[in-house]
PDB file of N, CA and C in Angstrom:
ATOM      1  N   MET A   1      13.417 -50.231  31.613  1.00  0.00           N
ATOM      2  CA  MET A   1      12.503 -49.651  30.646  1.00  0.00           C
ATOM      3  C   MET A   1      11.467 -48.847  31.434  1.00  0.00           C
ATOM      4  N   ILE A   2      11.156 -47.694  30.969  1.00  0.00           N
ATOM      5  CA  ILE A   2      10.190 -46.816  31.620  1.00  0.00           C
ATOM      6  C   ILE A   2       8.791 -47.129  31.099  1.00  0.00           C
ATOM      7  N   CYS A   3       7.840 -47.220  32.009  1.00  0.00           N
ATOM      8  CA  CYS A   3       6.450 -47.486  31.652  1.00  0.00           C
ATOM      9  C   CYS A   3       5.884 -46.278  30.896  1.00  0.00           C
ATOM     10  N   PRO A   4       5.286 -46.499  29.721  1.00  0.00           N
ATOM     11  CA  PRO A   4       4.734 -45.376  28.948  1.00  0.00           C
ATOM     12  C   PRO A   4       3.436 -44.830  29.530  1.00  0.00           C
ATOM     13  N   PHE A   5       2.868 -45.522  30.509  1.00  0.00           N
ATOM     14  CA  PHE A   5       1.593 -45.098  31.090  1.00  0.00           C
ATOM     15  C   PHE A   5       1.767 -44.271  32.363  1.00  0.00           C
ATOM     16  N   CYS A   6       2.693 -44.694  33.240  1.00  0.00           N
ATOM     17  CA  CYS A   6       2.851 -43.972  34.508  1.00  0.00           C
ATOM     18  C   CYS A   6       4.267 -43.443  34.737  1.00  0.00           C
ATOM     19  N   CYS A   7       5.194 -43.728  33.819  1.00  0.00           N
ATOM     20  CA  CYS A   7       6.592 -43.273  33.873  1.00  0.00           C
ATOM     21  C   CYS A   7       7.419 -43.910  34.986  1.00  0.00           C
ATOM     22  N   CYS A   8       6.940 -44.993  35.534  1.00  0.00           N
ATOM     23  CA  CYS A   8       7.726 -45.725  36.528  1.00  0.00           C
ATOM     24  C   CYS A   8       8.859 -46.460  35.813  1.00  0.00           C
ATOM     25  N   ASP A   9      10.028 -46.531  36.445  1.00  0.00           N
ATOM     26  CA  ASP A   9      11.146 -47.203  35.793  1.00  0.00           C
ATOM     27  C   ASP A   9      11.320 -48.652  36.252  1.00  0.00           C
ATOM     28  N   LYS A  10      10.367 -49.176  36.971  1.00  0.00           N
ATOM     29  CA  LYS A  10      10.415 -50.564  37.442  1.00  0.00           C
ATOM     30  C   LYS A  10       9.442 -51.412  36.630  1.00  0.00           C
ATOM     31  N   THR A  11       9.940 -51.968  35.533  1.00  0.00           N
ATOM     32  CA  THR A  11       9.129 -52.861  34.708  1.00  0.00           C
ATOM     33  C   THR A  11       9.857 -54.183  34.589  1.00  0.00           C
ATOM     34  N   ARG A  12       9.119 -55.228  34.258  1.00  0.00           N
ATOM     35  CA  ARG A  12       9.757 -56.527  34.092  1.00  0.00           C
ATOM     36  C   ARG A  12       9.291 -57.170  32.803  1.00  0.00           C
ATOM     37  N   VAL A  13      10.151 -57.993  32.249  1.00  0.00           N
ATOM     38  CA  VAL A  13       9.837 -58.715  31.018  1.00  0.00           C
ATOM     39  C   VAL A  13       9.030 -59.949  31.391  1.00  0.00           C
ATOM     40  N   ILE A  14       7.859 -60.111  30.759  1.00  0.00           N
ATOM     41  CA  ILE A  14       7.036 -61.283  31.042  1.00  0.00           C
ATOM     42  C   ILE A  14       7.083 -62.305  29.916  1.00  0.00           C
ATOM     43  N   ALA A  15       7.491 -61.880  28.713  1.00  0.00           N
ATOM     44  CA  ALA A  15       7.645 -62.807  27.586  1.00  0.00           C
ATOM     45  C   ALA A  15       8.516 -62.157  26.523  1.00  0.00           C
ATOM     46  N   THR A  16       9.199 -62.997  25.740  1.00  0.00           N
ATOM     47  CA  THR A  16      10.042 -62.517  24.647  1.00  0.00           C
ATOM     48  C   THR A  16       9.847 -63.413  23.436  1.00  0.00           C
ATOM     49  N   ILE A  17       9.702 -62.790  22.283  1.00  0.00           N
ATOM     50  CA  ILE A  17       9.680 -63.506  21.010  1.00  0.00           C
ATOM     51  C   ILE A  17      10.940 -63.076  20.274  1.00  0.00           C
ATOM     52  N   LYS A  18      11.849 -64.035  20.082  1.00  0.00           N
ATOM     53  CA  LYS A  18      13.142 -63.708  19.476  1.00  0.00           C
ATOM     54  C   LYS A  18      13.121 -63.945  17.981  1.00  0.00           C
ATOM     55  N   GLY A  19      13.823 -63.106  17.279  1.00  0.00           N
ATOM     56  CA  GLY A  19      13.948 -63.210  15.832  1.00  0.00           C
ATOM     57  C   GLY A  19      14.863 -62.117  15.351  1.00  0.00           C
ATOM     58  N   LEU A  20      14.715 -61.700  14.107  1.00  0.00           N
ATOM     59  CA  LEU A  20      15.502 -60.579  13.612  1.00  0.00           C
ATOM     60  C   LEU A  20      15.138 -59.310  14.355  1.00  0.00           C
ATOM     61  N   GLU A  21      13.926 -59.273  14.858  1.00  0.00           N
ATOM     62  CA  GLU A  21      13.477 -58.178  15.707  1.00  0.00           C
ATOM     63  C   GLU A  21      12.886 -58.812  16.956  1.00  0.00           C
ATOM     64  N   ASN A  22      13.472 -58.560  18.119  1.00  0.00           N
ATOM     65  CA  ASN A  22      12.975 -59.140  19.360  1.00  0.00           C
ATOM     66  C   ASN A  22      11.780 -58.342  19.876  1.00  0.00           C
ATOM     67  N   ARG A  23      10.726 -59.056  20.198  1.00  0.00           N
ATOM     68  CA  ARG A  23       9.547 -58.414  20.793  1.00  0.00           C
ATOM     69  C   ARG A  23       9.495 -58.821  22.261  1.00  0.00           C
ATOM     70  N   ARG A  24       9.442 -57.841  23.141  1.00  0.00           N
ATOM     71  CA  ARG A  24       9.373 -58.117  24.577  1.00  0.00           C
ATOM     72  C   ARG A  24       8.061 -57.580  25.119  1.00  0.00           C
ATOM     73  N   PHE A  25       7.423 -58.396  25.911  1.00  0.00           N
ATOM     74  CA  PHE A  25       6.186 -57.992  26.571  1.00  0.00           C
ATOM     75  C   PHE A  25       6.544 -57.707  28.020  1.00  0.00           C
ATOM     76  N   ARG A  26       6.205 -56.513  28.455  1.00  0.00           N
ATOM     77  CA  ARG A  26       6.604 -56.048  29.781  1.00  0.00           C
ATOM     78  C   ARG A  26       5.388 -55.689  30.618  1.00  0.00           C
ATOM     79  N   LYS A  27       5.616 -55.684  31.926  1.00  0.00           N
ATOM     80  CA  LYS A  27       4.555 -55.304  32.855  1.00  0.00           C
ATOM     81  C   LYS A  27       5.132 -54.343  33.880  1.00  0.00           C
ATOM     82  N   CYS A  28       4.398 -53.272  34.130  1.00  0.00           N
ATOM     83  CA  CYS A  28       4.834 -52.257  35.091  1.00  0.00           C
ATOM     84  C   CYS A  28       4.528 -52.731  36.505  1.00  0.00           C
ATOM     85  N   SER A  29       5.467 -52.566  37.409  1.00  0.00           N
ATOM     86  CA  SER A  29       5.255 -52.981  38.793  1.00  0.00           C
ATOM     87  C   SER A  29       4.445 -51.953  39.566  1.00  0.00           C
ATOM     88  N   SER A  30       4.304 -50.754  39.027  1.00  0.00           N
ATOM     89  CA  SER A  30       3.561 -49.712  39.715  1.00  0.00           C
ATOM     90  C   SER A  30       2.072 -49.705  39.328  1.00  0.00           C
ATOM     91  N   CYS A  31       1.787 -49.581  38.021  1.00  0.00           N
ATOM     92  CA  CYS A  31       0.387 -49.470  37.576  1.00  0.00           C
ATOM     93  C   CYS A  31      -0.153 -50.775  36.991  1.00  0.00           C
ATOM     94  N   SER A  32       0.691 -51.805  36.885  1.00  0.00           N
ATOM     95  CA  SER A  32       0.327 -53.130  36.355  1.00  0.00           C
ATOM     96  C   SER A  32      -0.067 -53.126  34.882  1.00  0.00           C
ATOM     97  N   ALA A  33       0.233 -52.061  34.168  1.00  0.00           N
ATOM     98  CA  ALA A  33      -0.066 -52.018  32.735  1.00  0.00           C
ATOM     99  C   ALA A  33       0.932 -52.898  31.994  1.00  0.00           C
ATOM    100  N   ALA A  34       0.451 -53.555  30.951  1.00  0.00           N
ATOM    101  CA  ALA A  34       1.316 -54.379  30.117  1.00  0.00           C
ATOM    102  C   ALA A  34       1.528 -53.653  28.795  1.00  0.00           C
ATOM    103  N   PHE A  35       2.742 -53.745  28.267  1.00  0.00           N
ATOM    104  CA  PHE A  35       3.049 -53.103  27.003  1.00  0.00           C
ATOM    105  C   PHE A  35       4.135 -53.883  26.289  1.00  0.00           C
ATOM    106  N   GLU A  36       4.313 -53.606  25.004  1.00  0.00           N
ATOM    107  CA  GLU A  36       5.265 -54.321  24.160  1.00  0.00           C
ATOM    108  C   GLU A  36       6.385 -53.387  23.719  1.00  0.00           C
ATOM    109  N   THR A  37       7.600 -53.918  23.700  1.00  0.00           N
ATOM    110  CA  THR A  37       8.733 -53.170  23.155  1.00  0.00           C
ATOM    111  C   THR A  37       9.373 -54.008  22.059  1.00  0.00           C
ATOM    112  N   ASN A  38      10.030 -53.347  21.115  1.00  0.00           N
ATOM    113  CA  ASN A  38      10.712 -54.022  20.015  1.00  0.00           C
ATOM    114  C   ASN A  38      12.178 -53.641  20.024  1.00  0.00           C
ATOM    115  N   GLU A  39      13.033 -54.620  19.788  1.00  0.00           N
ATOM    116  CA  GLU A  39      14.464 -54.382  19.650  1.00  0.00           C
ATOM    117  C   GLU A  39      14.858 -54.786  18.247  1.00  0.00           C
ATOM    118  N   ARG A  40      15.503 -53.884  17.540  1.00  0.00           N
ATOM    119  CA  ARG A  40      15.904 -54.149  16.161  1.00  0.00           C
ATOM    120  C   ARG A  40      17.387 -53.864  16.008  1.00  0.00           C
ATOM    121  N   VAL A  41      18.060 -54.693  15.266  1.00  0.00           N
ATOM    122  CA  VAL A  41      19.478 -54.487  14.985  1.00  0.00           C
ATOM    123  C   VAL A  41      19.619 -53.357  13.977  1.00  0.00           C
ATOM    124  N   VAL A  42      20.511 -52.429  14.289  1.00  0.00           N
ATOM    125  CA  VAL A  42      20.828 -51.361  13.354  1.00  0.00           C
ATOM    126  C   VAL A  42      22.176 -51.725  12.751  1.00  0.00           C
ATOM    127  N   ALA A  43      22.154 -52.204  11.524  1.00  0.00           N
ATOM    128  CA  ALA A  43      23.384 -52.643  10.875  1.00  0.00           C
ATOM    129  C   ALA A  43      23.980 -51.479  10.092  1.00  0.00           C
ATOM    130  N   ARG A  44      25.199 -51.157  10.424  1.00  0.00           N
ATOM    131  CA  ARG A  44      25.909 -50.128   9.689  1.00  0.00           C
ATOM    132  C   ARG A  44      27.397 -50.438   9.739  1.00  0.00           C
ATOM    133  N   TYR A  45      28.095 -49.931   8.777  1.00  0.00           N
ATOM    134  CA  TYR A  45      29.525 -50.179   8.691  1.00  0.00           C
ATOM    135  C   TYR A  45      30.249 -49.416   9.798  1.00  0.00           C
ATOM    136  N   LEU A  46      31.086 -50.118  10.543  1.00  0.00           N
ATOM    137  CA  LEU A  46      31.928 -49.485  11.553  1.00  0.00           C
ATOM    138  C   LEU A  46      33.377 -49.810  11.221  1.00  0.00           C
ATOM    139  N   GLU A  47      34.216 -48.837  11.353  1.00  0.00           N
ATOM    140  CA  GLU A  47      35.629 -49.059  11.068  1.00  0.00           C
ATOM    141  C   GLU A  47      36.222 -50.019  12.087  1.00  0.00           C
ATOM    142  N   SER A  48      37.116 -50.882  11.622  1.00  0.00           N
ATOM    143  CA  SER A  48      37.711 -51.867  12.519  1.00  0.00           C
ATOM    144  C   SER A  48      38.529 -51.202  13.623  1.00  0.00           C
ATOM    145  N   LYS A  49      39.144 -50.051  13.347  1.00  0.00           N
ATOM    146  CA  LYS A  49      39.891 -49.334  14.392  1.00  0.00           C
ATOM    147  C   LYS A  49      38.978 -48.972  15.552  1.00  0.00           C
ATOM    148  N   TYR A  50      37.782 -48.496  15.223  1.00  0.00           N
ATOM    149  CA  TYR A  50      36.818 -48.129  16.259  1.00  0.00           C
ATOM    150  C   TYR A  50      36.434 -49.349  17.075  1.00  0.00           C
ATOM    151  N   LEU A  51      36.133 -50.444  16.389  1.00  0.00           N
ATOM    152  CA  LEU A  51      35.713 -51.652  17.094  1.00  0.00           C
ATOM    153  C   LEU A  51      36.818 -52.185  17.992  1.00  0.00           C
ATOM    154  N   ILE A  52      38.039 -52.177  17.496  1.00  0.00           N
ATOM    155  CA  ILE A  52      39.155 -52.704  18.278  1.00  0.00           C
ATOM    156  C   ILE A  52      39.385 -51.854  19.524  1.00  0.00           C
ATOM    157  N   THR A  53      39.342 -50.537  19.399  1.00  0.00           N
ATOM    158  CA  THR A  53      39.562 -49.691  20.576  1.00  0.00           C
ATOM    159  C   THR A  53      38.375 -49.739  21.532  1.00  0.00           C
ATOM    160  N   GLU A  54      37.169 -49.788  20.988  1.00  0.00           N
ATOM    161  CA  GLU A  54      35.974 -49.783  21.834  1.00  0.00           C
ATOM    162  C   GLU A  54      35.822 -51.082  22.619  1.00  0.00           C
ATOM    163  N   PHE A  55      36.185 -52.197  22.003  1.00  0.00           N
ATOM    164  CA  PHE A  55      35.968 -53.499  22.631  1.00  0.00           C
ATOM    165  C   PHE A  55      37.265 -54.212  22.966  1.00  0.00           C
ATOM    166  N   LYS A  56      38.328 -53.454  23.190  1.00  0.00           N
ATOM    167  CA  LYS A  56      39.650 -54.027  23.434  1.00  0.00           C
ATOM    168  C   LYS A  56      39.657 -54.990  24.615  1.00  0.00           C
ATOM    169  N   GLU A  57      39.028 -54.625  25.704  1.00  0.00           N
ATOM    170  CA  GLU A  57      39.056 -55.496  26.879  1.00  0.00           C
ATOM    171  C   GLU A  57      38.347 -56.826  26.612  1.00  0.00           C
ATOM    172  N   TYR A  58      37.285 -56.801  25.840  1.00  0.00           N
ATOM    173  CA  TYR A  58      36.574 -58.038  25.520  1.00  0.00           C
ATOM    174  C   TYR A  58      37.383 -58.904  24.561  1.00  0.00           C
ATOM    175  N   ILE A  59      38.036 -58.269  23.599  1.00  0.00           N
ATOM    176  CA  ILE A  59      38.887 -59.000  22.657  1.00  0.00           C
ATOM    177  C   ILE A  59      40.048 -59.646  23.405  1.00  0.00           C
ATOM    178  N   ASP A  60      40.685 -58.886  24.299  1.00  0.00           N
ATOM    179  CA  ASP A  60      41.793 -59.419  25.079  1.00  0.00           C
ATOM    180  C   ASP A  60      41.334 -60.593  25.940  1.00  0.00           C
ATOM    181  N   GLU A  61      40.172 -60.453  26.563  1.00  0.00           N
ATOM    182  CA  GLU A  61      39.640 -61.527  27.411  1.00  0.00           C
ATOM    183  C   GLU A  61      39.358 -62.779  26.572  1.00  0.00           C
ATOM    184  N   PHE A  62      38.766 -62.590  25.401  1.00  0.00           N
ATOM    185  CA  PHE A  62      38.471 -63.716  24.513  1.00  0.00           C
ATOM    186  C   PHE A  62      39.757 -64.407  24.086  1.00  0.00           C
ATOM    187  N   ASN A  63      40.762 -63.612  23.688  1.00  0.00           N
ATOM    188  CA  ASN A  63      42.032 -64.185  23.250  1.00  0.00           C
ATOM    189  C   ASN A  63      42.724 -64.945  24.375  1.00  0.00           C
ATOM    190  N   THR A  64      42.646 -64.430  25.586  1.00  0.00           N
ATOM    191  CA  THR A  64      43.245 -65.104  26.740  1.00  0.00           C
ATOM    192  C   THR A  64      42.573 -66.449  26.971  1.00  0.00           C
ATOM    193  N   LYS A  65      41.234 -66.475  26.904  1.00  0.00           N
ATOM    194  CA  LYS A  65      40.508 -67.733  27.082  1.00  0.00           C
ATOM    195  C   LYS A  65      40.830 -68.712  25.962  1.00  0.00           C
ATOM    196  N   ALA A  66      40.926 -68.211  24.741  1.00  0.00           N
ATOM    197  CA  ALA A  66      41.247 -69.070  23.592  1.00  0.00           C
ATOM    198  C   ALA A  66      42.648 -69.659  23.745  1.00  0.00           C
ATOM    199  N   ASP A  67      43.587 -68.853  24.217  1.00  0.00           N
ATOM    200  CA  ASP A  67      44.952 -69.346  24.420  1.00  0.00           C
ATOM    201  C   ASP A  67      44.983 -70.441  25.477  1.00  0.00           C
ATOM    202  N   LYS A  68      44.239 -70.251  26.556  1.00  0.00           N
ATOM    203  CA  LYS A  68      44.194 -71.257  27.624  1.00  0.00           C
ATOM    204  C   LYS A  68      43.576 -72.549  27.113  1.00  0.00           C
ATOM    205  N   THR A  69      42.541 -72.439  26.304  1.00  0.00           N
ATOM    206  CA  THR A  69      41.898 -73.622  25.745  1.00  0.00           C
ATOM    207  C   THR A  69      42.854 -74.358  24.821  1.00  0.00           C
ATOM    208  N   GLN A  70      43.577 -73.611  23.993  1.00  0.00           N
ATOM    209  CA  GLN A  70      44.543 -74.204  23.064  1.00  0.00           C
ATOM    210  C   GLN A  70      45.657 -74.895  23.841  1.00  0.00           C
ATOM    211  N   ASP A  71      46.163 -74.249  24.906  1.00  0.00           N
ATOM    212  CA  ASP A  71      47.216 -74.849  25.727  1.00  0.00           C
ATOM    213  C   ASP A  71      46.727 -76.138  26.368  1.00  0.00           C
ATOM    214  N   HIS A  72      45.479 -76.124  26.824  1.00  0.00           N
ATOM    215  CA  HIS A  72      44.910 -77.302  27.471  1.00  0.00           C
ATOM    216  C   HIS A  72      44.792 -78.460  26.475  1.00  0.00           C
ATOM    217  N   LYS A  73      44.401 -78.169  25.229  1.00  0.00           N
ATOM    218  CA  LYS A  73      44.284 -79.208  24.197  1.00  0.00           C
ATOM    219  C   LYS A  73      45.648 -79.774  23.835  1.00  0.00           C
ATOM    220  N   GLU A  74      46.672 -78.919  23.794  1.00  0.00           N
ATOM    221  CA  GLU A  74      48.010 -79.366  23.437  1.00  0.00           C
ATOM    222  C   GLU A  74      48.616 -80.247  24.519  1.00  0.00           C
ATOM    223  N   GLN A  75      48.228 -80.068  25.781  1.00  0.00           N
ATOM    224  CA  GLN A  75      48.765 -80.852  26.878  1.00  0.00           C
ATOM    225  C   GLN A  75      48.216 -82.271  26.862  1.00  0.00           C
ATOM    226  N   ARG A  76      47.110 -82.499  26.214  1.00  0.00           N
ATOM    227  CA  ARG A  76      46.504 -83.835  26.189  1.00  0.00           C
ATOM    228  C   ARG A  76      47.281 -84.781  25.390  1.00  0.00           C
TER     229      ARG A  76
END
């Protein structure tokens, strides 16, 4: 995150309040200014084709882990 006061890109998170909107309190390592950022979920409809192609490697990895877990349970 870039500091809005001095434009340094070395900032660190000093606290987080989690919820539907995450609030992060950050401190710049250059000018020592503290500032707050907000993260909000942008919910919108995405086609399943897009999601499957975009996240294929993660889906494959999840399925592989699930298969291994299922095989392990069946061996018991």
